[in-house]
């Protein structure tokens, strides 16, 4: 397989990184791509928060710990209410975290930030210096975000 075809195959897996440049890019396209790559990486980081935000992870861990502690300390029927309350608190936090609407809202926010970032990155591009390599790399970023977004959306239905 030619090195050109290998480069295209590697690029199809995701946006080109600094170590995986599209062959023949100009200094302008490389500098411009860095801004777009930063936006793409920020979206990837935001996805972690879409599915299980750090604050929710902490709240879930604390509530579960309180529930387990209540179970372990239970010495008789009089402690049943404490165990029940701890379980209800844990279940409520789980429900809040995993509600489809909450996930959709966080996903919408991540997509909005991505689009805003792409829009801002375009302001750094000199229209006279745009080349096919920059457009190819940007297209790969847009395509991967779109594919992930469609897959996530279909999981809600």
Foldseek 3Di string as FASTA:
>chain_A
DDPLVVLVVVCLVFFADPVNANPPADPLLSVLVVLLVVLLVLLVVLLVCLQANPVLVVQLVVLVVQLVVLVVPDDDPVSVVSNVVSVVSNVVSVCVRHPPVSSVVSNVVSVVSSVVSVVVSVVSHDPVRDDPRSVSSSVRSVVVSVVVVVVSVVVSD
